[in-house]
Amino acid sequence: MLLPDNIHPENSLYYNSSFVLSELQKNRSQSLLDLYQNVKNIKDISISVFILCLDWLFLIEVVKLNNKNEVSICS
């Protein structure tokens, strides 16, 4: 869910996507599994929520998949 209608913002994609972006700012290009592991070290996030976050970030053109099949920030 993008914005929860209850009082738990930590369940929102907006909130969880911030952790994905934070890790991508440290290293602008990472493999999918490396990125997941780095995010998981910071916040306990399921793989399904992680993928939804990447989907959301891709849709709003913040991240992309490069030629090496790595996730990277759009420049």
C-alpha atoms as a PDB file:
ATOM      1  CA  MET A   1       0.000   0.000   0.000  1.00  0.00           C
ATOM      2  CA  LEU A   2       1.303   3.406  -0.883  1.00  0.00           C
ATOM      3  CA  LEU A   3      -0.247   5.342   1.972  1.00  0.00           C
ATOM      4  CA  PRO A   4      -1.801   3.336   4.779  1.00  0.00           C
ATOM      5  CA  ASP A   5      -5.081   4.509   6.202  1.00  0.00           C
ATOM      6  CA  ASN A   6      -4.121   3.371   9.675  1.00  0.00           C
ATOM      7  CA  ILE A   7      -1.464   4.808  11.981  1.00  0.00           C
ATOM      8  CA  HIS A   8       1.455   2.629  10.842  1.00  0.00           C
ATOM      9  CA  PRO A   9       3.459   4.622   8.290  1.00  0.00           C
ATOM     10  CA  GLU A  10       6.264   2.064   8.468  1.00  0.00           C
ATOM     11  CA  ASN A  11       4.033  -0.161   6.331  1.00  0.00           C
ATOM     12  CA  SER A  12       3.864   2.315   3.471  1.00  0.00           C
ATOM     13  CA  LEU A  13       5.832   1.999   0.257  1.00  0.00           C
ATOM     14  CA  TYR A  14       6.857   5.639   0.541  1.00  0.00           C
ATOM     15  CA  TYR A  15       8.560   4.984   3.856  1.00  0.00           C
ATOM     16  CA  ASN A  16      10.202   1.725   2.827  1.00  0.00           C
ATOM     17  CA  SER A  17      11.323   3.153  -0.506  1.00  0.00           C
ATOM     18  CA  SER A  18      13.344   5.713   1.383  1.00  0.00           C
ATOM     19  CA  PHE A  19      15.582   2.918   2.658  1.00  0.00           C
ATOM     20  CA  VAL A  20      16.075   1.593  -0.860  1.00  0.00           C
ATOM     21  CA  LEU A  21      17.000   5.062  -2.086  1.00  0.00           C
ATOM     22  CA  SER A  22      19.317   5.599   0.844  1.00  0.00           C
ATOM     23  CA  GLU A  23      21.266   2.478  -0.056  1.00  0.00           C
ATOM     24  CA  LEU A  24      21.380   3.411  -3.718  1.00  0.00           C
ATOM     25  CA  GLN A  25      22.798   6.809  -2.844  1.00  0.00           C
ATOM     26  CA  LYS A  26      25.693   5.114  -1.065  1.00  0.00           C
ATOM     27  CA  ASN A  27      26.454   2.968  -4.085  1.00  0.00           C
ATOM     28  CA  ARG A  28      24.648   4.179  -7.209  1.00  0.00           C
ATOM     29  CA  SER A  29      24.542   0.796  -8.903  1.00  0.00           C
ATOM     30  CA  GLN A  30      23.942  -2.546  -7.182  1.00  0.00           C
ATOM     31  CA  SER A  31      22.674  -5.958  -8.084  1.00  0.00           C
ATOM     32  CA  LEU A  32      19.138  -6.713  -6.973  1.00  0.00           C
ATOM     33  CA  LEU A  33      20.179  -9.203  -4.304  1.00  0.00           C
ATOM     34  CA  ASP A  34      22.990  -7.022  -2.976  1.00  0.00           C
ATOM     35  CA  LEU A  35      20.642  -4.089  -2.717  1.00  0.00           C
ATOM     36  CA  TYR A  36      18.063  -6.209  -0.920  1.00  0.00           C
ATOM     37  CA  GLN A  37      20.657  -7.471   1.534  1.00  0.00           C
ATOM     38  CA  ASN A  38      21.921  -3.949   2.227  1.00  0.00           C
ATOM     39  CA  VAL A  39      18.409  -2.667   2.825  1.00  0.00           C
ATOM     40  CA  LYS A  40      17.600  -5.679   4.986  1.00  0.00           C
ATOM     41  CA  ASN A  41      20.627  -4.892   7.168  1.00  0.00           C
ATOM     42  CA  ILE A  42      19.126  -1.493   7.931  1.00  0.00           C
ATOM     43  CA  LYS A  43      15.442  -2.365   8.128  1.00  0.00           C
ATOM     44  CA  ASP A  44      13.678  -5.676   8.396  1.00  0.00           C
ATOM     45  CA  ILE A  45      11.835  -5.719   5.088  1.00  0.00           C
ATOM     46  CA  SER A  46      10.321  -8.626   3.217  1.00  0.00           C
ATOM     47  CA  ILE A  47      11.336  -9.379  -0.348  1.00  0.00           C
ATOM     48  CA  SER A  48       7.789  -8.700  -1.560  1.00  0.00           C
ATOM     49  CA  VAL A  49       7.736  -5.214  -0.015  1.00  0.00           C
ATOM     50  CA  PHE A  50      11.213  -4.591  -1.401  1.00  0.00           C
ATOM     51  CA  ILE A  51      10.068  -5.505  -4.915  1.00  0.00           C
ATOM     52  CA  LEU A  52       7.002  -3.300  -4.563  1.00  0.00           C
ATOM     53  CA  CYS A  53       9.280  -0.440  -3.528  1.00  0.00           C
ATOM     54  CA  LEU A  54      11.429  -0.984  -6.598  1.00  0.00           C
ATOM     55  CA  ASP A  55       8.324  -1.115  -8.770  1.00  0.00           C
ATOM     56  CA  TRP A  56       7.146   2.179  -7.322  1.00  0.00           C
ATOM     57  CA  LEU A  57      10.554   3.825  -7.753  1.00  0.00           C
ATOM     58  CA  PHE A  58      10.733   2.563 -11.328  1.00  0.00           C
ATOM     59  CA  LEU A  59       7.261   3.881 -12.139  1.00  0.00           C
ATOM     60  CA  ILE A  60       8.125   7.358 -10.921  1.00  0.00           C
ATOM     61  CA  GLU A  61      11.428   7.149 -12.838  1.00  0.00           C
ATOM     62  CA  VAL A  62      13.778   7.332  -9.879  1.00  0.00           C
ATOM     63  CA  VAL A  63      15.528   4.001 -10.473  1.00  0.00           C
ATOM     64  CA  LYS A  64      16.300   1.966 -13.554  1.00  0.00           C
ATOM     65  CA  LEU A  65      17.837  -1.337 -14.535  1.00  0.00           C
ATOM     66  CA  ASN A  66      21.121  -0.774 -16.344  1.00  0.00           C
ATOM     67  CA  ASN A  67      22.923  -2.879 -18.976  1.00  0.00           C
ATOM     68  CA  LYS A  68      24.624  -4.974 -16.302  1.00  0.00           C
ATOM     69  CA  ASN A  69      21.241  -5.917 -14.784  1.00  0.00           C
ATOM     70  CA  GLU A  70      21.901  -3.742 -11.772  1.00  0.00           C
ATOM     71  CA  VAL A  71      19.527  -1.329 -10.118  1.00  0.00           C
ATOM     72  CA  SER A  72      20.746   2.246 -10.349  1.00  0.00           C
ATOM     73  CA  ILE A  73      19.483   5.748  -9.703  1.00  0.00           C
ATOM     74  CA  CYS A  74      18.294   7.643 -12.762  1.00  0.00           C
ATOM     75  CA  SER A  75      20.470  10.619 -13.485  1.00  0.00           C
END
